C-alpha atoms as a PDB file:
ATOM      1  CA  UNK A   1     -72.490 -67.320 110.754  1.00  0.00           C
ATOM      2  CA  UNK A   2     -70.212 -70.401 110.983  1.00  0.00           C
ATOM      3  CA  UNK A   3     -67.037 -68.147 110.346  1.00  0.00           C
ATOM      4  CA  UNK A   4     -64.299 -68.768 112.998  1.00  0.00           C
ATOM      5  CA  UNK A   5     -62.787 -65.320 113.718  1.00  0.00           C
ATOM      6  CA  UNK A   6     -59.027 -64.561 113.577  1.00  0.00           C
ATOM      7  CA  UNK A   7     -58.786 -61.828 116.053  1.00  0.00           C
ATOM      8  CA  UNK A   8     -55.594 -60.223 117.155  1.00  0.00           C
ATOM      9  CA  UNK A   9     -54.762 -57.257 119.537  1.00  0.00           C
ATOM     10  CA  UNK A  10     -54.504 -54.147 117.679  1.00  0.00           C
ATOM     11  CA  UNK A  11     -51.449 -51.718 118.504  1.00  0.00           C
ATOM     12  CA  UNK A  12     -52.492 -48.998 116.028  1.00  0.00           C
ATOM     13  CA  UNK A  13     -56.117 -48.129 114.802  1.00  0.00           C
ATOM     14  CA  UNK A  14     -56.489 -50.389 111.896  1.00  0.00           C
ATOM     15  CA  UNK A  15     -57.583 -49.138 108.471  1.00  0.00           C
ATOM     16  CA  UNK A  16     -60.116 -50.916 106.176  1.00  0.00           C
ATOM     17  CA  UNK A  17     -57.332 -52.867 104.225  1.00  0.00           C
ATOM     18  CA  UNK A  18     -55.701 -54.163 107.386  1.00  0.00           C
ATOM     19  CA  UNK A  19     -58.562 -56.503 108.240  1.00  0.00           C
ATOM     20  CA  UNK A  20     -59.507 -59.484 106.169  1.00  0.00           C
ATOM     21  CA  UNK A  21     -63.145 -59.324 105.007  1.00  0.00           C
ATOM     22  CA  UNK A  22     -63.916 -62.883 105.745  1.00  0.00           C
ATOM     23  CA  UNK A  23     -62.612 -63.611 109.295  1.00  0.00           C
ATOM     24  CA  UNK A  24     -60.344 -60.716 110.400  1.00  0.00           C
ATOM     25  CA  UNK A  25     -60.756 -58.751 113.580  1.00  0.00           C
ATOM     26  CA  UNK A  26     -58.703 -56.499 115.832  1.00  0.00           C
ATOM     27  CA  UNK A  27     -59.438 -56.029 119.533  1.00  0.00           C
ATOM     28  CA  UNK A  28     -58.475 -52.501 120.620  1.00  0.00           C
ATOM     29  CA  UNK A  29     -58.645 -50.388 123.952  1.00  0.00           C
ATOM     30  CA  UNK A  30     -59.653 -47.198 122.626  1.00  0.00           C
ATOM     31  CA  UNK A  31     -61.532 -43.979 123.250  1.00  0.00           C
ATOM     32  CA  UNK A  32     -64.330 -43.178 120.698  1.00  0.00           C
ATOM     33  CA  UNK A  33     -65.357 -39.586 120.090  1.00  0.00           C
ATOM     34  CA  UNK A  34     -68.463 -38.644 117.837  1.00  0.00           C
ATOM     35  CA  UNK A  35     -68.868 -35.021 116.775  1.00  0.00           C
ATOM     36  CA  UNK A  36     -72.352 -34.299 115.599  1.00  0.00           C
ATOM     37  CA  UNK A  37     -73.695 -31.070 114.101  1.00  0.00           C
ATOM     38  CA  UNK A  38     -77.026 -30.317 115.896  1.00  0.00           C
ATOM     39  CA  UNK A  39     -80.057 -29.164 114.059  1.00  0.00           C
ATOM     40  CA  UNK A  40     -78.758 -29.965 110.486  1.00  0.00           C
ATOM     41  CA  UNK A  41     -82.243 -31.170 109.567  1.00  0.00           C
ATOM     42  CA  UNK A  42     -83.673 -27.764 110.476  1.00  0.00           C
ATOM     43  CA  UNK A  43     -81.074 -26.263 108.400  1.00  0.00           C
ATOM     44  CA  UNK A  44     -81.801 -28.429 105.327  1.00  0.00           C
ATOM     45  CA  UNK A  45     -85.552 -27.747 105.758  1.00  0.00           C
ATOM     46  CA  UNK A  46     -85.017 -23.941 106.221  1.00  0.00           C
ATOM     47  CA  UNK A  47     -85.060 -21.335 103.414  1.00  0.00           C
ATOM     48  CA  UNK A  48     -81.437 -21.337 103.014  1.00  0.00           C
ATOM     49  CA  UNK A  49     -80.121 -22.453  99.647  1.00  0.00           C
ATOM     50  CA  UNK A  50     -78.968 -26.077  99.681  1.00  0.00           C
ATOM     51  CA  UNK A  51     -75.476 -24.941  98.596  1.00  0.00           C
ATOM     52  CA  UNK A  52     -75.319 -22.664 101.778  1.00  0.00           C
ATOM     53  CA  UNK A  53     -76.355 -25.539 103.957  1.00  0.00           C
ATOM     54  CA  UNK A  54     -73.795 -27.847 102.401  1.00  0.00           C
ATOM     55  CA  UNK A  55     -71.079 -25.235 103.137  1.00  0.00           C
ATOM     56  CA  UNK A  56     -72.064 -24.846 106.693  1.00  0.00           C
ATOM     57  CA  UNK A  57     -72.175 -28.847 107.273  1.00  0.00           C
ATOM     58  CA  UNK A  58     -68.768 -29.180 105.282  1.00  0.00           C
ATOM     59  CA  UNK A  59     -67.320 -26.363 107.587  1.00  0.00           C
ATOM     60  CA  UNK A  60     -68.252 -28.321 110.624  1.00  0.00           C
ATOM     61  CA  UNK A  61     -67.054 -31.639 109.328  1.00  0.00           C
ATOM     62  CA  UNK A  62     -63.878 -30.227 108.063  1.00  0.00           C
ATOM     63  CA  UNK A  63     -63.235 -28.432 111.493  1.00  0.00           C
ATOM     64  CA  UNK A  64     -63.979 -31.510 113.557  1.00  0.00           C
ATOM     65  CA  UNK A  65     -61.895 -33.849 111.313  1.00  0.00           C
ATOM     66  CA  UNK A  66     -58.815 -31.540 111.371  1.00  0.00           C
ATOM     67  CA  UNK A  67     -59.054 -31.039 115.226  1.00  0.00           C
ATOM     68  CA  UNK A  68     -59.506 -34.557 115.878  1.00  0.00           C
ATOM     69  CA  UNK A  69     -56.344 -35.430 113.743  1.00  0.00           C
ATOM     70  CA  UNK A  70     -54.476 -32.630 115.420  1.00  0.00           C
ATOM     71  CA  UNK A  71     -54.877 -34.325 118.694  1.00  0.00           C
ATOM     72  CA  UNK A  72     -53.980 -37.806 117.585  1.00  0.00           C
ATOM     73  CA  UNK A  73     -57.387 -39.090 116.581  1.00  0.00           C
ATOM     74  CA  UNK A  74     -57.796 -41.390 113.636  1.00  0.00           C
ATOM     75  CA  UNK A  75     -60.903 -40.769 111.587  1.00  0.00           C
ATOM     76  CA  UNK A  76     -62.714 -43.950 110.784  1.00  0.00           C
ATOM     77  CA  UNK A  77     -66.350 -42.922 109.959  1.00  0.00           C
ATOM     78  CA  UNK A  78     -68.589 -40.178 108.413  1.00  0.00           C
ATOM     79  CA  UNK A  79     -72.214 -40.307 108.603  1.00  0.00           C
ATOM     80  CA  UNK A  80     -73.923 -37.207 107.114  1.00  0.00           C
ATOM     81  CA  UNK A  81     -73.158 -34.401 109.652  1.00  0.00           C
ATOM     82  CA  UNK A  82     -71.404 -36.697 111.983  1.00  0.00           C
ATOM     83  CA  UNK A  83     -67.675 -37.662 112.121  1.00  0.00           C
ATOM     84  CA  UNK A  84     -66.106 -40.427 114.531  1.00  0.00           C
ATOM     85  CA  UNK A  85     -62.437 -40.543 115.706  1.00  0.00           C
ATOM     86  CA  UNK A  86     -60.642 -43.276 117.570  1.00  0.00           C
ATOM     87  CA  UNK A  87     -57.942 -42.425 120.029  1.00  0.00           C
ATOM     88  CA  UNK A  88     -55.566 -44.940 121.685  1.00  0.00           C
ATOM     89  CA  UNK A  89     -52.627 -44.801 124.023  1.00  0.00           C
ATOM     90  CA  UNK A  90     -52.123 -43.814 127.664  1.00  0.00           C
ATOM     91  CA  UNK A  91     -53.523 -40.363 127.066  1.00  0.00           C
ATOM     92  CA  UNK A  92     -56.399 -41.367 124.812  1.00  0.00           C
ATOM     93  CA  UNK A  93     -58.924 -39.807 127.064  1.00  0.00           C
ATOM     94  CA  UNK A  94     -57.243 -36.634 127.564  1.00  0.00           C
ATOM     95  CA  UNK A  95     -56.614 -36.203 123.898  1.00  0.00           C
ATOM     96  CA  UNK A  96     -60.182 -36.862 122.950  1.00  0.00           C
ATOM     97  CA  UNK A  97     -61.462 -34.386 125.447  1.00  0.00           C
ATOM     98  CA  UNK A  98     -59.054 -31.671 124.458  1.00  0.00           C
ATOM     99  CA  UNK A  99     -60.147 -32.097 120.903  1.00  0.00           C
ATOM    100  CA  UNK A 100     -63.860 -31.839 122.009  1.00  0.00           C
ATOM    101  CA  UNK A 101     -62.937 -28.524 123.674  1.00  0.00           C
ATOM    102  CA  UNK A 102     -61.251 -27.282 120.560  1.00  0.00           C
ATOM    103  CA  UNK A 103     -64.285 -28.277 118.400  1.00  0.00           C
ATOM    104  CA  UNK A 104     -66.470 -26.476 120.595  1.00  0.00           C
ATOM    105  CA  UNK A 105     -64.332 -23.360 120.390  1.00  0.00           C
ATOM    106  CA  UNK A 106     -64.478 -23.677 116.476  1.00  0.00           C
ATOM    107  CA  UNK A 107     -68.265 -23.942 116.632  1.00  0.00           C
ATOM    108  CA  UNK A 108     -68.632 -20.928 118.883  1.00  0.00           C
ATOM    109  CA  UNK A 109     -65.869 -18.484 117.547  1.00  0.00           C
ATOM    110  CA  UNK A 110     -64.577 -19.563 114.413  1.00  0.00           C
ATOM    111  CA  UNK A 111     -67.311 -20.957 112.073  1.00  0.00           C
ATOM    112  CA  UNK A 112     -69.929 -18.276 113.163  1.00  0.00           C
ATOM    113  CA  UNK A 113     -67.501 -15.557 112.054  1.00  0.00           C
ATOM    114  CA  UNK A 114     -66.797 -17.148 108.789  1.00  0.00           C
ATOM    115  CA  UNK A 115     -70.581 -17.549 108.001  1.00  0.00           C
ATOM    116  CA  UNK A 116     -71.161 -13.652 108.883  1.00  0.00           C
ATOM    117  CA  UNK A 117     -68.320 -12.766 106.562  1.00  0.00           C
ATOM    118  CA  UNK A 118     -69.532 -15.005 103.665  1.00  0.00           C
ATOM    119  CA  UNK A 119     -73.113 -13.801 103.469  1.00  0.00           C
ATOM    120  CA  UNK A 120     -74.773 -10.498 103.854  1.00  0.00           C
ATOM    121  CA  UNK A 121     -77.376 -11.946 106.031  1.00  0.00           C
ATOM    122  CA  UNK A 122     -75.037 -14.370 107.720  1.00  0.00           C
ATOM    123  CA  UNK A 123     -75.728 -13.046 111.239  1.00  0.00           C
ATOM    124  CA  UNK A 124     -79.300 -14.393 110.890  1.00  0.00           C
ATOM    125  CA  UNK A 125     -78.023 -18.085 110.773  1.00  0.00           C
ATOM    126  CA  UNK A 126     -74.330 -18.006 111.991  1.00  0.00           C
ATOM    127  CA  UNK A 127     -75.170 -19.542 115.398  1.00  0.00           C
ATOM    128  CA  UNK A 128     -74.841 -23.281 114.847  1.00  0.00           C
ATOM    129  CA  UNK A 129     -74.734 -25.869 117.641  1.00  0.00           C
ATOM    130  CA  UNK A 130     -73.216 -29.424 118.115  1.00  0.00           C
ATOM    131  CA  UNK A 131     -72.552 -32.313 120.462  1.00  0.00           C
ATOM    132  CA  UNK A 132     -69.491 -34.411 121.030  1.00  0.00           C
ATOM    133  CA  UNK A 133     -69.927 -37.770 122.799  1.00  0.00           C
ATOM    134  CA  UNK A 134     -66.980 -39.631 124.280  1.00  0.00           C
ATOM    135  CA  UNK A 135     -66.415 -43.090 126.010  1.00  0.00           C
ATOM    136  CA  UNK A 136     -63.591 -45.436 126.455  1.00  0.00           C
ATOM    137  CA  UNK A 137     -63.118 -49.154 126.526  1.00  0.00           C
ATOM    138  CA  UNK A 138     -62.263 -52.366 124.660  1.00  0.00           C
ATOM    139  CA  UNK A 139     -63.946 -53.034 121.279  1.00  0.00           C
ATOM    140  CA  UNK A 140     -63.776 -55.400 118.543  1.00  0.00           C
ATOM    141  CA  UNK A 141     -63.148 -53.980 114.915  1.00  0.00           C
ATOM    142  CA  UNK A 142     -64.267 -56.058 111.934  1.00  0.00           C
ATOM    143  CA  UNK A 143     -64.947 -55.313 108.252  1.00  0.00           C
ATOM    144  CA  UNK A 144     -68.452 -55.269 107.031  1.00  0.00           C
ATOM    145  CA  UNK A 145     -70.041 -54.977 103.669  1.00  0.00           C
ATOM    146  CA  UNK A 146     -69.109 -56.694 100.406  1.00  0.00           C
ATOM    147  CA  UNK A 147     -66.012 -56.833  98.185  1.00  0.00           C
ATOM    148  CA  UNK A 148     -65.077 -53.341  97.070  1.00  0.00           C
ATOM    149  CA  UNK A 149     -68.039 -51.958  99.082  1.00  0.00           C
ATOM    150  CA  UNK A 150     -66.925 -52.269 102.698  1.00  0.00           C
ATOM    151  CA  UNK A 151     -65.921 -50.400 105.745  1.00  0.00           C
ATOM    152  CA  UNK A 152     -64.848 -50.928 109.548  1.00  0.00           C
ATOM    153  CA  UNK A 153     -67.414 -51.690 112.243  1.00  0.00           C
ATOM    154  CA  UNK A 154     -66.639 -51.121 115.903  1.00  0.00           C
ATOM    155  CA  UNK A 155     -68.309 -53.607 118.129  1.00  0.00           C
ATOM    156  CA  UNK A 156     -68.454 -52.735 121.904  1.00  0.00           C
ATOM    157  CA  UNK A 157     -69.929 -50.564 124.422  1.00  0.00           C
ATOM    158  CA  UNK A 158     -67.462 -47.523 123.978  1.00  0.00           C
ATOM    159  CA  UNK A 159     -68.416 -46.751 120.320  1.00  0.00           C
ATOM    160  CA  UNK A 160     -72.082 -47.521 120.973  1.00  0.00           C
ATOM    161  CA  UNK A 161     -72.303 -45.225 124.098  1.00  0.00           C
ATOM    162  CA  UNK A 162     -70.278 -42.491 122.508  1.00  0.00           C
ATOM    163  CA  UNK A 163     -72.655 -42.290 119.649  1.00  0.00           C
ATOM    164  CA  UNK A 164     -75.592 -42.164 121.913  1.00  0.00           C
ATOM    165  CA  UNK A 165     -74.068 -39.359 123.997  1.00  0.00           C
ATOM    166  CA  UNK A 166     -73.578 -37.269 120.850  1.00  0.00           C
ATOM    167  CA  UNK A 167     -77.367 -37.370 120.422  1.00  0.00           C
ATOM    168  CA  UNK A 168     -78.160 -36.124 123.900  1.00  0.00           C
ATOM    169  CA  UNK A 169     -80.152 -32.851 124.356  1.00  0.00           C
ATOM    170  CA  UNK A 170     -79.332 -32.000 128.069  1.00  0.00           C
ATOM    171  CA  UNK A 171     -78.231 -28.602 127.244  1.00  0.00           C
ATOM    172  CA  UNK A 172     -74.425 -29.181 126.893  1.00  0.00           C
ATOM    173  CA  UNK A 173     -72.026 -29.414 124.025  1.00  0.00           C
ATOM    174  CA  UNK A 174     -69.786 -32.255 125.410  1.00  0.00           C
ATOM    175  CA  UNK A 175     -70.681 -35.417 127.057  1.00  0.00           C
ATOM    176  CA  UNK A 176     -68.229 -37.891 128.536  1.00  0.00           C
ATOM    177  CA  UNK A 177     -68.731 -40.912 130.653  1.00  0.00           C
ATOM    178  CA  UNK A 178     -67.481 -41.398 134.310  1.00  0.00           C
ATOM    179  CA  UNK A 179     -64.495 -43.570 133.130  1.00  0.00           C
ATOM    180  CA  UNK A 180     -63.230 -40.840 130.799  1.00  0.00           C
ATOM    181  CA  UNK A 181     -63.820 -38.054 133.354  1.00  0.00           C
ATOM    182  CA  UNK A 182     -61.794 -39.994 135.947  1.00  0.00           C
ATOM    183  CA  UNK A 183     -58.784 -40.118 133.723  1.00  0.00           C
ATOM    184  CA  UNK A 184     -58.636 -36.309 133.064  1.00  0.00           C
ATOM    185  CA  UNK A 185     -55.829 -34.090 134.343  1.00  0.00           C
ATOM    186  CA  UNK A 186     -56.967 -31.158 136.488  1.00  0.00           C
ATOM    187  CA  UNK A 187     -56.328 -28.739 133.568  1.00  0.00           C
ATOM    188  CA  UNK A 188     -59.199 -30.346 131.691  1.00  0.00           C
ATOM    189  CA  UNK A 189     -61.427 -30.161 134.597  1.00  0.00           C
ATOM    190  CA  UNK A 190     -60.848 -26.596 136.096  1.00  0.00           C
ATOM    191  CA  UNK A 191     -60.625 -23.655 133.858  1.00  0.00           C
ATOM    192  CA  UNK A 192     -59.434 -20.277 135.001  1.00  0.00           C
ATOM    193  CA  UNK A 193     -61.916 -17.413 135.632  1.00  0.00           C
ATOM    194  CA  UNK A 194     -61.612 -13.705 135.055  1.00  0.00           C
ATOM    195  CA  UNK A 195     -61.257 -13.391 139.027  1.00  0.00           C
ATOM    196  CA  UNK A 196     -58.031 -15.448 138.868  1.00  0.00           C
ATOM    197  CA  UNK A 197     -59.653 -18.614 140.393  1.00  0.00           C
ATOM    198  CA  UNK A 198     -60.659 -21.793 138.710  1.00  0.00           C
ATOM    199  CA  UNK A 199     -64.021 -23.246 137.948  1.00  0.00           C
ATOM    200  CA  UNK A 200     -65.305 -26.786 137.300  1.00  0.00           C
ATOM    201  CA  UNK A 201     -66.454 -26.880 133.764  1.00  0.00           C
ATOM    202  CA  UNK A 202     -68.060 -30.294 134.116  1.00  0.00           C
ATOM    203  CA  UNK A 203     -71.469 -31.056 135.558  1.00  0.00           C
ATOM    204  CA  UNK A 204     -72.620 -34.523 136.442  1.00  0.00           C
ATOM    205  CA  UNK A 205     -75.909 -35.479 134.944  1.00  0.00           C
ATOM    206  CA  UNK A 206     -78.336 -36.071 137.746  1.00  0.00           C
ATOM    207  CA  UNK A 207     -79.811 -39.229 136.411  1.00  0.00           C
ATOM    208  CA  UNK A 208     -77.066 -40.260 133.938  1.00  0.00           C
ATOM    209  CA  UNK A 209     -78.185 -42.199 130.909  1.00  0.00           C
ATOM    210  CA  UNK A 210     -79.318 -45.659 130.056  1.00  0.00           C
ATOM    211  CA  UNK A 211     -77.880 -47.164 126.770  1.00  0.00           C
ATOM    212  CA  UNK A 212     -79.488 -50.564 126.008  1.00  0.00           C
ATOM    213  CA  UNK A 213     -79.479 -52.336 129.454  1.00  0.00           C
ATOM    214  CA  UNK A 214     -76.386 -50.326 130.860  1.00  0.00           C
ATOM    215  CA  UNK A 215     -76.612 -47.405 132.903  1.00  0.00           C
ATOM    216  CA  UNK A 216     -73.946 -44.820 132.356  1.00  0.00           C
ATOM    217  CA  UNK A 217     -72.806 -41.916 134.581  1.00  0.00           C
ATOM    218  CA  UNK A 218     -72.383 -38.897 132.485  1.00  0.00           C
ATOM    219  CA  UNK A 219     -70.666 -35.426 132.689  1.00  0.00           C
ATOM    220  CA  UNK A 220     -71.508 -32.534 130.483  1.00  0.00           C
ATOM    221  CA  UNK A 221     -69.493 -29.379 129.590  1.00  0.00           C
ATOM    222  CA  UNK A 222     -69.786 -26.128 127.654  1.00  0.00           C
ATOM    223  CA  UNK A 223     -65.869 -25.828 127.924  1.00  0.00           C
ATOM    224  CA  UNK A 224     -63.949 -24.526 124.892  1.00  0.00           C
ATOM    225  CA  UNK A 225     -60.383 -24.250 124.306  1.00  0.00           C
ATOM    226  CA  UNK A 226     -58.828 -23.032 121.174  1.00  0.00           C
ATOM    227  CA  UNK A 227     -56.344 -25.173 119.046  1.00  0.00           C
END
């Protein structure tokens, strides 16, 4: 508790070894994205073999990880069936949302097809669901744990809110804050329809969300866009 922090601004997303355990820290302006497989507890408690459940969870984590990285995200945390990525740079919000659309595409089109092809009864449990939460802002990254057993900890509103958004059950697959939404290009807001027109793929949640003492304006979407 008496430690004086030695904090510098981060120009890249730090790795664990980049930060001194005792007193090191990096301030970073970043966008945090959490991808969370919904209903995994139900899967685990179902009649499916645990090996089958493990393959489904692994397929989701593998897909989300590869997609986040494809769009410039740095993976910094795994927690069961959840993966967290950090995006930096002027286009950090656009990249994070683009990745979320691609993960949604994988969940709706790629993974179910693979499940059905792998098991004779795969059609009975191929439909999985997930949620991605995204927020942006300044955070402090420090190192927590003990020697040889440590990991990075992001302290700030953005990682906290993004994690909470990935837990929402408002009927959407992707949730972003107003700050993220306001930074999006039109192509990430309006998708073409079969009629040749465009449609807004985002809906503003009527009451927003309260995270701690902070009220957050939130937008939800079912948008999907292949890699």
